[in-house]
Amino acid sequence: MSELATDRRTTPNLSAGEGSKKSYWSKLGYGLLYLILSIFAVIQIYPLIWLVFFSLKNNQEVFGMSPFSLPQDPQWGNYVKVWTQGNIGVYFFNSVWMTVLSVFLTVILASFVTFAITRMHWKLSGLVLGLFMVGYMIPLHSTLIPLFNFYNTVGLIDNPLSIILSQTTFNLPLTIMILLGFYKAFPREIEEAAVMDGCSVHRIFFQVTLPMTIPVLSTTAIINMIYNWNEFVFVNTFISSDQWKTLTVGINNFVGQYLTDWGAIGATLVISIVPILLTFLFLSNKIVEGMAAGSVKG
């Protein structure tokens, strides 16, 4: 009996010791994890902070001091200069409305195509899907000369419609590919119930399917917005007048033959990344929801 009592007294002590060891290693593991994540966060955030400091410098500080130094006399006037003298206000507005219109067209057209391929039974659906996927593999730069000749023939050179059409066309394959996974996991029973209630194909799409794909549509809209906002090649090739230039091309206004205003360029870059940062700040959860929406069936 005494031996049993001794075993009962010592067993809890051993389990408590093992529990404390596990707790110690668990805390140590979490500490290392947070340390690594903090290092990566600093690496990711520091370039943005550096860009802000860079935008507050003049050319003498840019070339005469260390690139990691703080601005001695912050040049807040760089932001005023780019907005008033550099025509950045017009470029910013052009970037906004061209991006919004291109994203809307891309998302709605990709939804039409994906719905037709996954929900309608027709012989050439597989071929059409394959053509869109082939379009995703075509290099953008290889199409510039044919597109320029085409737009020149139809009178769309120096016209914002050429930018909107190009952005929409080149973003369609990726958008369709993202939507495809969600549509295949989307339960057909909901649409079948709508058919039993007498809904037409158009009503099923606009009143049933489209509202239920909002999470993945938000993801595709954000991705397309980033691509369109940062687009440079199409605008630089098809647009020549300041009236229709966007922010990415407008930066060239501060690059001269003999003198480049680096502080103004930094200020323009800061202004151009603010919308992207705000989008990620407020809609980052939508990206995760949209990516995960098609991963679970039912």
C-alpha atoms as a PDB file:
ATOM      1  CA  MET A   1       0.000   0.000   0.000  1.00  0.00           C
ATOM      2  CA  SER A   2       2.808   2.395   0.836  1.00  0.00           C
ATOM      3  CA  GLU A   3       4.418   1.752  -2.571  1.00  0.00           C
ATOM      4  CA  LEU A   4       1.133   2.525  -4.340  1.00  0.00           C
ATOM      5  CA  ALA A   5       0.746   5.711  -2.335  1.00  0.00           C
ATOM      6  CA  THR A   6       4.289   6.707  -3.245  1.00  0.00           C
ATOM      7  CA  ASP A   7       3.581   6.098  -6.950  1.00  0.00           C
ATOM      8  CA  ARG A   8       0.404   8.179  -6.746  1.00  0.00           C
ATOM      9  CA  ARG A   9       2.300  11.024  -5.099  1.00  0.00           C
ATOM     10  CA  THR A  10       5.216  11.027  -7.556  1.00  0.00           C
ATOM     11  CA  THR A  11       3.226  10.572 -10.812  1.00  0.00           C
ATOM     12  CA  PRO A  12       1.547  14.015 -10.736  1.00  0.00           C
ATOM     13  CA  ASN A  13       4.923  15.619 -10.066  1.00  0.00           C
ATOM     14  CA  LEU A  14       6.398  13.955 -13.150  1.00  0.00           C
ATOM     15  CA  SER A  15       3.472  14.987 -15.358  1.00  0.00           C
ATOM     16  CA  ALA A  16       3.699  18.544 -14.061  1.00  0.00           C
ATOM     17  CA  GLY A  17       7.404  18.605 -14.898  1.00  0.00           C
ATOM     18  CA  GLU A  18       6.749  17.330 -18.402  1.00  0.00           C
ATOM     19  CA  GLY A  19       3.972  19.912 -18.827  1.00  0.00           C
ATOM     20  CA  SER A  20       6.274  22.743 -17.787  1.00  0.00           C
ATOM     21  CA  LYS A  21       8.929  21.561 -20.253  1.00  0.00           C
ATOM     22  CA  LYS A  22       6.364  21.442 -23.059  1.00  0.00           C
ATOM     23  CA  SER A  23       5.117  24.890 -22.097  1.00  0.00           C
ATOM     24  CA  TYR A  24       8.699  26.210 -22.142  1.00  0.00           C
ATOM     25  CA  TRP A  25       9.439  24.806 -25.608  1.00  0.00           C
ATOM     26  CA  SER A  26       6.077  26.016 -26.878  1.00  0.00           C
ATOM     27  CA  LYS A  27       6.764  29.566 -25.683  1.00  0.00           C
ATOM     28  CA  LEU A  28      10.261  29.403 -27.141  1.00  0.00           C
ATOM     29  CA  GLY A  29       8.874  28.250 -30.494  1.00  0.00           C
ATOM     30  CA  TYR A  30       6.283  31.035 -30.572  1.00  0.00           C
ATOM     31  CA  GLY A  31       8.962  33.550 -29.612  1.00  0.00           C
ATOM     32  CA  LEU A  32      11.183  32.490 -32.510  1.00  0.00           C
ATOM     33  CA  LEU A  33       8.213  32.544 -34.866  1.00  0.00           C
ATOM     34  CA  TYR A  34       7.254  36.093 -33.861  1.00  0.00           C
ATOM     35  CA  LEU A  35      10.896  37.165 -34.161  1.00  0.00           C
ATOM     36  CA  ILE A  36      11.146  35.812 -37.715  1.00  0.00           C
ATOM     37  CA  LEU A  37       7.811  37.386 -38.678  1.00  0.00           C
ATOM     38  CA  SER A  38       8.916  40.713 -37.202  1.00  0.00           C
ATOM     39  CA  ILE A  39      12.128  40.619 -39.230  1.00  0.00           C
ATOM     40  CA  PHE A  40      10.169  39.925 -42.418  1.00  0.00           C
ATOM     41  CA  ALA A  41       7.713  42.714 -41.555  1.00  0.00           C
ATOM     42  CA  VAL A  42      10.572  45.199 -41.145  1.00  0.00           C
ATOM     43  CA  ILE A  43      12.088  44.057 -44.454  1.00  0.00           C
ATOM     44  CA  GLN A  44       8.742  44.583 -46.196  1.00  0.00           C
ATOM     45  CA  ILE A  45       7.848  47.921 -44.590  1.00  0.00           C
ATOM     46  CA  TYR A  46      11.256  49.599 -44.631  1.00  0.00           C
ATOM     47  CA  PRO A  47      11.298  50.277 -48.425  1.00  0.00           C
ATOM     48  CA  LEU A  48       8.051  52.227 -48.043  1.00  0.00           C
ATOM     49  CA  ILE A  49       9.484  54.268 -45.179  1.00  0.00           C
ATOM     50  CA  TRP A  50      12.660  54.846 -47.186  1.00  0.00           C
ATOM     51  CA  LEU A  51      10.587  56.043 -50.158  1.00  0.00           C
ATOM     52  CA  VAL A  52       8.794  58.590 -47.965  1.00  0.00           C
ATOM     53  CA  PHE A  53      12.145  59.927 -46.695  1.00  0.00           C
ATOM     54  CA  PHE A  54      13.473  59.956 -50.266  1.00  0.00           C
ATOM     55  CA  SER A  55      10.509  62.063 -51.416  1.00  0.00           C
ATOM     56  CA  LEU A  56      11.411  64.719 -48.818  1.00  0.00           C
ATOM     57  CA  LYS A  57      14.964  65.229 -50.103  1.00  0.00           C
ATOM     58  CA  ASN A  58      16.418  67.513 -52.736  1.00  0.00           C
ATOM     59  CA  ASN A  59      18.992  66.477 -55.327  1.00  0.00           C
ATOM     60  CA  GLN A  60      21.912  67.622 -53.141  1.00  0.00           C
ATOM     61  CA  GLU A  61      20.823  65.342 -50.306  1.00  0.00           C
ATOM     62  CA  VAL A  62      20.103  62.459 -52.675  1.00  0.00           C
ATOM     63  CA  PHE A  63      23.620  62.468 -54.172  1.00  0.00           C
ATOM     64  CA  GLY A  64      25.660  64.048 -51.369  1.00  0.00           C
ATOM     65  CA  MET A  65      24.487  61.963 -48.415  1.00  0.00           C
ATOM     66  CA  SER A  66      23.993  58.343 -47.533  1.00  0.00           C
ATOM     67  CA  PRO A  67      20.898  56.809 -49.136  1.00  0.00           C
ATOM     68  CA  PHE A  68      19.815  55.672 -45.661  1.00  0.00           C
ATOM     69  CA  SER A  69      20.109  59.104 -44.063  1.00  0.00           C
ATOM     70  CA  LEU A  70      17.126  61.145 -42.918  1.00  0.00           C
ATOM     71  CA  PRO A  71      16.276  64.353 -44.823  1.00  0.00           C
ATOM     72  CA  GLN A  72      18.056  67.306 -43.241  1.00  0.00           C
ATOM     73  CA  ASP A  73      15.478  69.843 -44.429  1.00  0.00           C
ATOM     74  CA  PRO A  74      12.245  67.988 -45.376  1.00  0.00           C
ATOM     75  CA  GLN A  75      11.054  69.230 -48.746  1.00  0.00           C
ATOM     76  CA  TRP A  76       7.282  69.038 -48.305  1.00  0.00           C
ATOM     77  CA  GLY A  77       7.093  71.335 -51.293  1.00  0.00           C
ATOM     78  CA  ASN A  78       7.877  68.342 -53.514  1.00  0.00           C
ATOM     79  CA  TYR A  79       4.294  67.152 -53.055  1.00  0.00           C
ATOM     80  CA  VAL A  80       2.914  70.601 -53.861  1.00  0.00           C
ATOM     81  CA  LYS A  81       5.169  70.812 -56.920  1.00  0.00           C
ATOM     82  CA  VAL A  82       4.100  67.476 -58.406  1.00  0.00           C
ATOM     83  CA  TRP A  83       0.418  68.240 -57.860  1.00  0.00           C
ATOM     84  CA  THR A  84       0.459  71.786 -59.242  1.00  0.00           C
ATOM     85  CA  GLN A  85       3.362  71.936 -61.707  1.00  0.00           C
ATOM     86  CA  GLY A  86       3.685  68.268 -62.660  1.00  0.00           C
ATOM     87  CA  ASN A  87       0.038  67.754 -63.701  1.00  0.00           C
ATOM     88  CA  ILE A  88      -0.164  64.797 -61.306  1.00  0.00           C
ATOM     89  CA  GLY A  89      -3.778  65.622 -60.425  1.00  0.00           C
ATOM     90  CA  VAL A  90      -4.848  64.903 -64.009  1.00  0.00           C
ATOM     91  CA  TYR A  91      -2.736  61.738 -64.160  1.00  0.00           C
ATOM     92  CA  PHE A  92      -4.145  60.531 -60.851  1.00  0.00           C
ATOM     93  CA  PHE A  93      -7.737  61.037 -62.040  1.00  0.00           C
ATOM     94  CA  ASN A  94      -6.968  59.225 -65.311  1.00  0.00           C
ATOM     95  CA  SER A  95      -5.468  56.298 -63.409  1.00  0.00           C
ATOM     96  CA  VAL A  96      -8.549  56.078 -61.184  1.00  0.00           C
ATOM     97  CA  TRP A  97     -11.266  56.081 -63.840  1.00  0.00           C
ATOM     98  CA  MET A  98      -9.361  53.925 -66.338  1.00  0.00           C
ATOM     99  CA  THR A  99      -8.594  51.373 -63.635  1.00  0.00           C
ATOM    100  CA  VAL A 100     -12.165  51.277 -62.340  1.00  0.00           C
ATOM    101  CA  LEU A 101     -13.677  50.894 -65.815  1.00  0.00           C
ATOM    102  CA  SER A 102     -11.149  48.238 -66.873  1.00  0.00           C
ATOM    103  CA  VAL A 103     -11.687  46.251 -63.674  1.00  0.00           C
ATOM    104  CA  PHE A 104     -15.468  46.386 -64.066  1.00  0.00           C
ATOM    105  CA  LEU A 105     -15.340  45.196 -67.674  1.00  0.00           C
ATOM    106  CA  THR A 106     -12.845  42.446 -66.874  1.00  0.00           C
ATOM    107  CA  VAL A 107     -14.806  41.072 -63.924  1.00  0.00           C
ATOM    108  CA  ILE A 108     -18.216  41.139 -65.613  1.00  0.00           C
ATOM    109  CA  LEU A 109     -16.973  39.664 -68.902  1.00  0.00           C
ATOM    110  CA  ALA A 110     -14.982  36.964 -67.100  1.00  0.00           C
ATOM    111  CA  SER A 111     -18.121  36.109 -65.107  1.00  0.00           C
ATOM    112  CA  PHE A 112     -20.101  35.759 -68.347  1.00  0.00           C
ATOM    113  CA  VAL A 113     -17.480  33.460 -69.861  1.00  0.00           C
ATOM    114  CA  THR A 114     -17.032  31.314 -66.755  1.00  0.00           C
ATOM    115  CA  PHE A 115     -20.794  30.927 -66.282  1.00  0.00           C
ATOM    116  CA  ALA A 116     -21.220  29.892 -69.917  1.00  0.00           C
ATOM    117  CA  ILE A 117     -18.368  27.372 -69.754  1.00  0.00           C
ATOM    118  CA  THR A 118     -19.289  25.741 -66.437  1.00  0.00           C
ATOM    119  CA  ARG A 119     -23.100  25.977 -66.455  1.00  0.00           C
ATOM    120  CA  MET A 120     -24.105  25.665 -70.122  1.00  0.00           C
ATOM    121  CA  HIS A 121     -23.616  22.509 -72.157  1.00  0.00           C
ATOM    122  CA  TRP A 122     -22.285  23.244 -75.650  1.00  0.00           C
ATOM    123  CA  LYS A 123     -19.752  21.464 -77.810  1.00  0.00           C
ATOM    124  CA  LEU A 124     -17.063  24.129 -78.083  1.00  0.00           C
ATOM    125  CA  SER A 125     -16.909  25.113 -74.396  1.00  0.00           C
ATOM    126  CA  GLY A 126     -13.639  23.234 -73.845  1.00  0.00           C
ATOM    127  CA  LEU A 127     -12.080  24.796 -76.946  1.00  0.00           C
ATOM    128  CA  VAL A 128     -13.102  28.302 -75.876  1.00  0.00           C
ATOM    129  CA  LEU A 129     -11.628  27.763 -72.422  1.00  0.00           C
ATOM    130  CA  GLY A 130      -8.406  26.494 -74.011  1.00  0.00           C
ATOM    131  CA  LEU A 131      -8.185  29.607 -76.208  1.00  0.00           C
ATOM    132  CA  PHE A 132      -8.480  31.866 -73.169  1.00  0.00           C
ATOM    133  CA  MET A 133      -5.774  29.902 -71.367  1.00  0.00           C
ATOM    134  CA  VAL A 134      -3.519  30.147 -74.420  1.00  0.00           C
ATOM    135  CA  GLY A 135      -4.055  33.898 -74.321  1.00  0.00           C
ATOM    136  CA  TYR A 136      -2.598  33.892 -70.810  1.00  0.00           C
ATOM    137  CA  MET A 137       0.682  32.524 -72.211  1.00  0.00           C
ATOM    138  CA  ILE A 138       1.128  35.202 -74.913  1.00  0.00           C
ATOM    139  CA  PRO A 139       3.846  37.712 -73.909  1.00  0.00           C
ATOM    140  CA  LEU A 140       2.522  41.242 -73.643  1.00  0.00           C
ATOM    141  CA  HIS A 141       5.437  42.843 -75.481  1.00  0.00           C
ATOM    142  CA  SER A 142       4.986  40.620 -78.521  1.00  0.00           C
ATOM    143  CA  THR A 143       1.565  42.183 -79.140  1.00  0.00           C
ATOM    144  CA  LEU A 144       2.559  45.853 -79.001  1.00  0.00           C
ATOM    145  CA  ILE A 145       3.296  46.310 -82.726  1.00  0.00           C
ATOM    146  CA  PRO A 146       0.146  44.460 -83.944  1.00  0.00           C
ATOM    147  CA  LEU A 147      -1.987  46.340 -81.418  1.00  0.00           C
ATOM    148  CA  PHE A 148      -0.437  49.668 -82.387  1.00  0.00           C
ATOM    149  CA  ASN A 149      -1.152  49.017 -86.072  1.00  0.00           C
ATOM    150  CA  PHE A 150      -4.719  47.956 -85.267  1.00  0.00           C
ATOM    151  CA  TYR A 151      -5.457  50.947 -83.048  1.00  0.00           C
ATOM    152  CA  ASN A 152      -3.858  53.266 -85.593  1.00  0.00           C
ATOM    153  CA  THR A 153      -6.117  51.844 -88.313  1.00  0.00           C
ATOM    154  CA  VAL A 154      -9.323  52.310 -86.299  1.00  0.00           C
ATOM    155  CA  GLY A 155      -8.247  55.701 -84.908  1.00  0.00           C
ATOM    156  CA  LEU A 156      -7.699  54.739 -81.269  1.00  0.00           C
ATOM    157  CA  ILE A 157      -4.111  55.948 -80.880  1.00  0.00           C
ATOM    158  CA  ASP A 158      -3.944  58.590 -78.138  1.00  0.00           C
ATOM    159  CA  ASN A 159      -7.390  57.454 -77.014  1.00  0.00           C
ATOM    160  CA  PRO A 160      -8.092  56.052 -73.509  1.00  0.00           C
ATOM    161  CA  LEU A 161     -10.265  53.369 -75.066  1.00  0.00           C
ATOM    162  CA  SER A 162      -7.113  51.652 -76.340  1.00  0.00           C
ATOM    163  CA  ILE A 163      -5.825  51.346 -72.762  1.00  0.00           C
ATOM    164  CA  ILE A 164      -9.133  50.071 -71.395  1.00  0.00           C
ATOM    165  CA  LEU A 165      -9.506  47.456 -74.154  1.00  0.00           C
ATOM    166  CA  SER A 166      -5.906  46.268 -73.768  1.00  0.00           C
ATOM    167  CA  GLN A 167      -6.071  45.981 -69.986  1.00  0.00           C
ATOM    168  CA  THR A 168      -9.402  44.173 -70.113  1.00  0.00           C
ATOM    169  CA  THR A 169      -8.232  41.717 -72.755  1.00  0.00           C
ATOM    170  CA  PHE A 170      -4.958  40.785 -71.098  1.00  0.00           C
ATOM    171  CA  ASN A 171      -6.514  40.380 -67.639  1.00  0.00           C
ATOM    172  CA  LEU A 172      -9.396  38.176 -68.781  1.00  0.00           C
ATOM    173  CA  PRO A 173      -7.504  34.815 -68.806  1.00  0.00           C
ATOM    174  CA  LEU A 174      -6.227  35.166 -65.234  1.00  0.00           C
ATOM    175  CA  THR A 175      -9.637  36.321 -63.995  1.00  0.00           C
ATOM    176  CA  ILE A 176     -11.377  33.404 -65.713  1.00  0.00           C
ATOM    177  CA  MET A 177      -8.872  30.963 -64.211  1.00  0.00           C
ATOM    178  CA  ILE A 178      -9.583  32.272 -60.682  1.00  0.00           C
ATOM    179  CA  LEU A 179     -13.359  32.212 -61.188  1.00  0.00           C
ATOM    180  CA  LEU A 180     -13.263  28.737 -62.706  1.00  0.00           C
ATOM    181  CA  GLY A 181     -12.295  27.045 -59.440  1.00  0.00           C
ATOM    182  CA  PHE A 182     -15.098  28.792 -57.561  1.00  0.00           C
ATOM    183  CA  TYR A 183     -17.759  28.000 -60.172  1.00  0.00           C
ATOM    184  CA  LYS A 184     -16.825  24.315 -60.235  1.00  0.00           C
ATOM    185  CA  ALA A 185     -17.196  24.156 -56.444  1.00  0.00           C
ATOM    186  CA  PHE A 186     -20.409  26.176 -56.495  1.00  0.00           C
ATOM    187  CA  PRO A 187     -23.422  23.880 -55.780  1.00  0.00           C
ATOM    188  CA  ARG A 188     -25.718  23.452 -58.768  1.00  0.00           C
ATOM    189  CA  GLU A 189     -28.725  22.711 -56.555  1.00  0.00           C
ATOM    190  CA  ILE A 190     -29.270  26.427 -55.950  1.00  0.00           C
ATOM    191  CA  GLU A 191     -29.490  27.159 -59.651  1.00  0.00           C
ATOM    192  CA  GLU A 192     -31.675  24.092 -60.239  1.00  0.00           C
ATOM    193  CA  ALA A 193     -34.078  25.385 -57.598  1.00  0.00           C
ATOM    194  CA  ALA A 194     -34.178  28.725 -59.402  1.00  0.00           C
ATOM    195  CA  VAL A 195     -35.009  26.928 -62.662  1.00  0.00           C
ATOM    196  CA  MET A 196     -37.866  25.108 -60.925  1.00  0.00           C
ATOM    197  CA  ASP A 197     -39.192  28.505 -59.821  1.00  0.00           C
ATOM    198  CA  GLY A 198     -39.277  29.655 -63.437  1.00  0.00           C
ATOM    199  CA  CYS A 199     -36.099  31.786 -63.615  1.00  0.00           C
ATOM    200  CA  SER A 200     -34.545  32.361 -67.003  1.00  0.00           C
ATOM    201  CA  VAL A 201     -30.821  31.987 -67.636  1.00  0.00           C
ATOM    202  CA  HIS A 202     -30.310  35.734 -67.373  1.00  0.00           C
ATOM    203  CA  ARG A 203     -32.146  35.976 -64.046  1.00  0.00           C
ATOM    204  CA  ILE A 204     -30.226  32.996 -62.673  1.00  0.00           C
ATOM    205  CA  PHE A 205     -26.928  34.668 -63.504  1.00  0.00           C
ATOM    206  CA  PHE A 206     -27.726  38.191 -62.314  1.00  0.00           C
ATOM    207  CA  GLN A 207     -29.968  37.389 -59.321  1.00  0.00           C
ATOM    208  CA  VAL A 208     -28.577  34.063 -58.048  1.00  0.00           C
ATOM    209  CA  THR A 209     -25.063  33.232 -59.266  1.00  0.00           C
ATOM    210  CA  LEU A 210     -23.469  36.680 -59.458  1.00  0.00           C
ATOM    211  CA  PRO A 211     -24.447  37.815 -55.924  1.00  0.00           C
ATOM    212  CA  MET A 212     -23.155  34.549 -54.445  1.00  0.00           C
ATOM    213  CA  THR A 213     -19.764  34.970 -56.118  1.00  0.00           C
ATOM    214  CA  ILE A 214     -19.059  38.324 -54.457  1.00  0.00           C
ATOM    215  CA  PRO A 215     -16.093  36.990 -52.364  1.00  0.00           C
ATOM    216  CA  VAL A 216     -14.164  35.677 -55.356  1.00  0.00           C
ATOM    217  CA  LEU A 217     -15.205  38.691 -57.458  1.00  0.00           C
ATOM    218  CA  SER A 218     -13.687  40.932 -54.794  1.00  0.00           C
ATOM    219  CA  THR A 219     -10.431  39.002 -55.069  1.00  0.00           C
ATOM    220  CA  THR A 220     -10.287  39.259 -58.846  1.00  0.00           C
ATOM    221  CA  ALA A 221     -11.205  42.959 -58.709  1.00  0.00           C
ATOM    222  CA  ILE A 222      -8.350  43.714 -56.303  1.00  0.00           C
ATOM    223  CA  ILE A 223      -5.822  41.748 -58.360  1.00  0.00           C
ATOM    224  CA  ASN A 224      -6.928  43.459 -61.567  1.00  0.00           C
ATOM    225  CA  MET A 225      -6.848  46.843 -59.882  1.00  0.00           C
ATOM    226  CA  ILE A 226      -3.205  46.353 -58.902  1.00  0.00           C
ATOM    227  CA  TYR A 227      -2.241  45.251 -62.425  1.00  0.00           C
ATOM    228  CA  ASN A 228      -4.095  48.117 -64.117  1.00  0.00           C
ATOM    229  CA  TRP A 229      -2.930  50.777 -61.682  1.00  0.00           C
ATOM    230  CA  ASN A 230       0.726  49.872 -62.225  1.00  0.00           C
ATOM    231  CA  GLU A 231       0.399  49.431 -65.993  1.00  0.00           C
ATOM    232  CA  PHE A 232       3.079  51.290 -67.934  1.00  0.00           C
ATOM    233  CA  VAL A 233       3.731  49.675 -71.313  1.00  0.00           C
ATOM    234  CA  PHE A 234       0.314  50.237 -72.905  1.00  0.00           C
ATOM    235  CA  VAL A 235       0.027  53.841 -71.746  1.00  0.00           C
ATOM    236  CA  ASN A 236       3.563  54.654 -72.835  1.00  0.00           C
ATOM    237  CA  THR A 237       2.960  53.093 -76.275  1.00  0.00           C
ATOM    238  CA  PHE A 238      -0.570  54.191 -77.166  1.00  0.00           C
ATOM    239  CA  ILE A 239      -0.896  57.549 -75.362  1.00  0.00           C
ATOM    240  CA  SER A 240       1.107  60.630 -76.303  1.00  0.00           C
ATOM    241  CA  SER A 241      -0.840  63.640 -74.971  1.00  0.00           C
ATOM    242  CA  ASP A 242      -0.794  64.710 -71.333  1.00  0.00           C
ATOM    243  CA  GLN A 243      -4.576  64.742 -71.324  1.00  0.00           C
ATOM    244  CA  TRP A 244      -4.802  60.927 -71.083  1.00  0.00           C
ATOM    245  CA  LYS A 245      -1.551  59.922 -69.382  1.00  0.00           C
ATOM    246  CA  THR A 246      -1.614  58.036 -66.077  1.00  0.00           C
ATOM    247  CA  LEU A 247       0.586  58.266 -63.001  1.00  0.00           C
ATOM    248  CA  THR A 248       3.042  55.590 -64.085  1.00  0.00           C
ATOM    249  CA  VAL A 249       3.891  57.513 -67.265  1.00  0.00           C
ATOM    250  CA  GLY A 250       3.526  60.987 -65.752  1.00  0.00           C
ATOM    251  CA  ILE A 251       6.607  60.392 -63.617  1.00  0.00           C
ATOM    252  CA  ASN A 252       8.680  60.950 -66.760  1.00  0.00           C
ATOM    253  CA  ASN A 253       7.782  64.644 -66.618  1.00  0.00           C
ATOM    254  CA  PHE A 254      10.413  65.077 -63.898  1.00  0.00           C
ATOM    255  CA  VAL A 255      13.145  63.362 -65.916  1.00  0.00           C
ATOM    256  CA  GLY A 256      14.963  65.928 -68.039  1.00  0.00           C
ATOM    257  CA  GLN A 257      17.829  65.736 -70.480  1.00  0.00           C
ATOM    258  CA  TYR A 258      20.240  67.506 -68.133  1.00  0.00           C
ATOM    259  CA  LEU A 259      18.489  67.481 -64.737  1.00  0.00           C
ATOM    260  CA  THR A 260      16.215  65.017 -62.957  1.00  0.00           C
ATOM    261  CA  ASP A 261      14.155  66.088 -59.932  1.00  0.00           C
ATOM    262  CA  TRP A 262      14.498  62.961 -57.798  1.00  0.00           C
ATOM    263  CA  GLY A 263      12.561  64.358 -54.858  1.00  0.00           C
ATOM    264  CA  ALA A 264       9.568  65.067 -57.096  1.00  0.00           C
ATOM    265  CA  ILE A 265       9.798  61.561 -58.546  1.00  0.00           C
ATOM    266  CA  GLY A 266       9.775  60.131 -55.009  1.00  0.00           C
ATOM    267  CA  ALA A 267       6.722  62.248 -54.125  1.00  0.00           C
ATOM    268  CA  THR A 268       4.911  61.001 -57.231  1.00  0.00           C
ATOM    269  CA  LEU A 269       5.707  57.400 -56.322  1.00  0.00           C
ATOM    270  CA  VAL A 270       4.372  57.896 -52.800  1.00  0.00           C
ATOM    271  CA  ILE A 271       1.139  59.360 -54.176  1.00  0.00           C
ATOM    272  CA  SER A 272       0.814  56.465 -56.629  1.00  0.00           C
ATOM    273  CA  ILE A 273       1.162  53.728 -53.993  1.00  0.00           C
ATOM    274  CA  VAL A 274      -1.301  55.227 -51.498  1.00  0.00           C
ATOM    275  CA  PRO A 275      -4.423  53.765 -53.227  1.00  0.00           C
ATOM    276  CA  ILE A 276      -2.819  50.307 -53.373  1.00  0.00           C
ATOM    277  CA  LEU A 277      -1.886  50.428 -49.683  1.00  0.00           C
ATOM    278  CA  LEU A 278      -5.381  51.552 -48.704  1.00  0.00           C
ATOM    279  CA  THR A 279      -6.897  48.779 -50.782  1.00  0.00           C
ATOM    280  CA  PHE A 280      -4.788  46.141 -49.055  1.00  0.00           C
ATOM    281  CA  LEU A 281      -5.424  47.694 -45.657  1.00  0.00           C
ATOM    282  CA  PHE A 282      -9.207  47.564 -45.915  1.00  0.00           C
ATOM    283  CA  LEU A 283      -9.793  44.658 -48.320  1.00  0.00           C
ATOM    284  CA  SER A 284      -6.995  42.191 -47.546  1.00  0.00           C
ATOM    285  CA  ASN A 285      -9.472  39.865 -45.812  1.00  0.00           C
ATOM    286  CA  LYS A 286     -11.513  39.747 -49.028  1.00  0.00           C
ATOM    287  CA  ILE A 287      -8.487  38.370 -50.884  1.00  0.00           C
ATOM    288  CA  VAL A 288      -8.148  35.520 -48.381  1.00  0.00           C
ATOM    289  CA  GLU A 289     -11.884  34.799 -48.456  1.00  0.00           C
ATOM    290  CA  GLY A 290     -11.940  34.740 -52.230  1.00  0.00           C
ATOM    291  CA  MET A 291      -8.923  32.458 -52.514  1.00  0.00           C
ATOM    292  CA  ALA A 292     -10.425  30.047 -49.985  1.00  0.00           C
ATOM    293  CA  ALA A 293     -13.940  30.209 -51.404  1.00  0.00           C
ATOM    294  CA  GLY A 294     -13.260  27.693 -54.159  1.00  0.00           C
ATOM    295  CA  SER A 295     -11.188  25.321 -52.060  1.00  0.00           C
ATOM    296  CA  VAL A 296     -14.111  23.792 -50.120  1.00  0.00           C
ATOM    297  CA  LYS A 297     -16.828  22.145 -52.145  1.00  0.00           C
ATOM    298  CA  GLY A 298     -20.471  22.296 -51.159  1.00  0.00           C
END
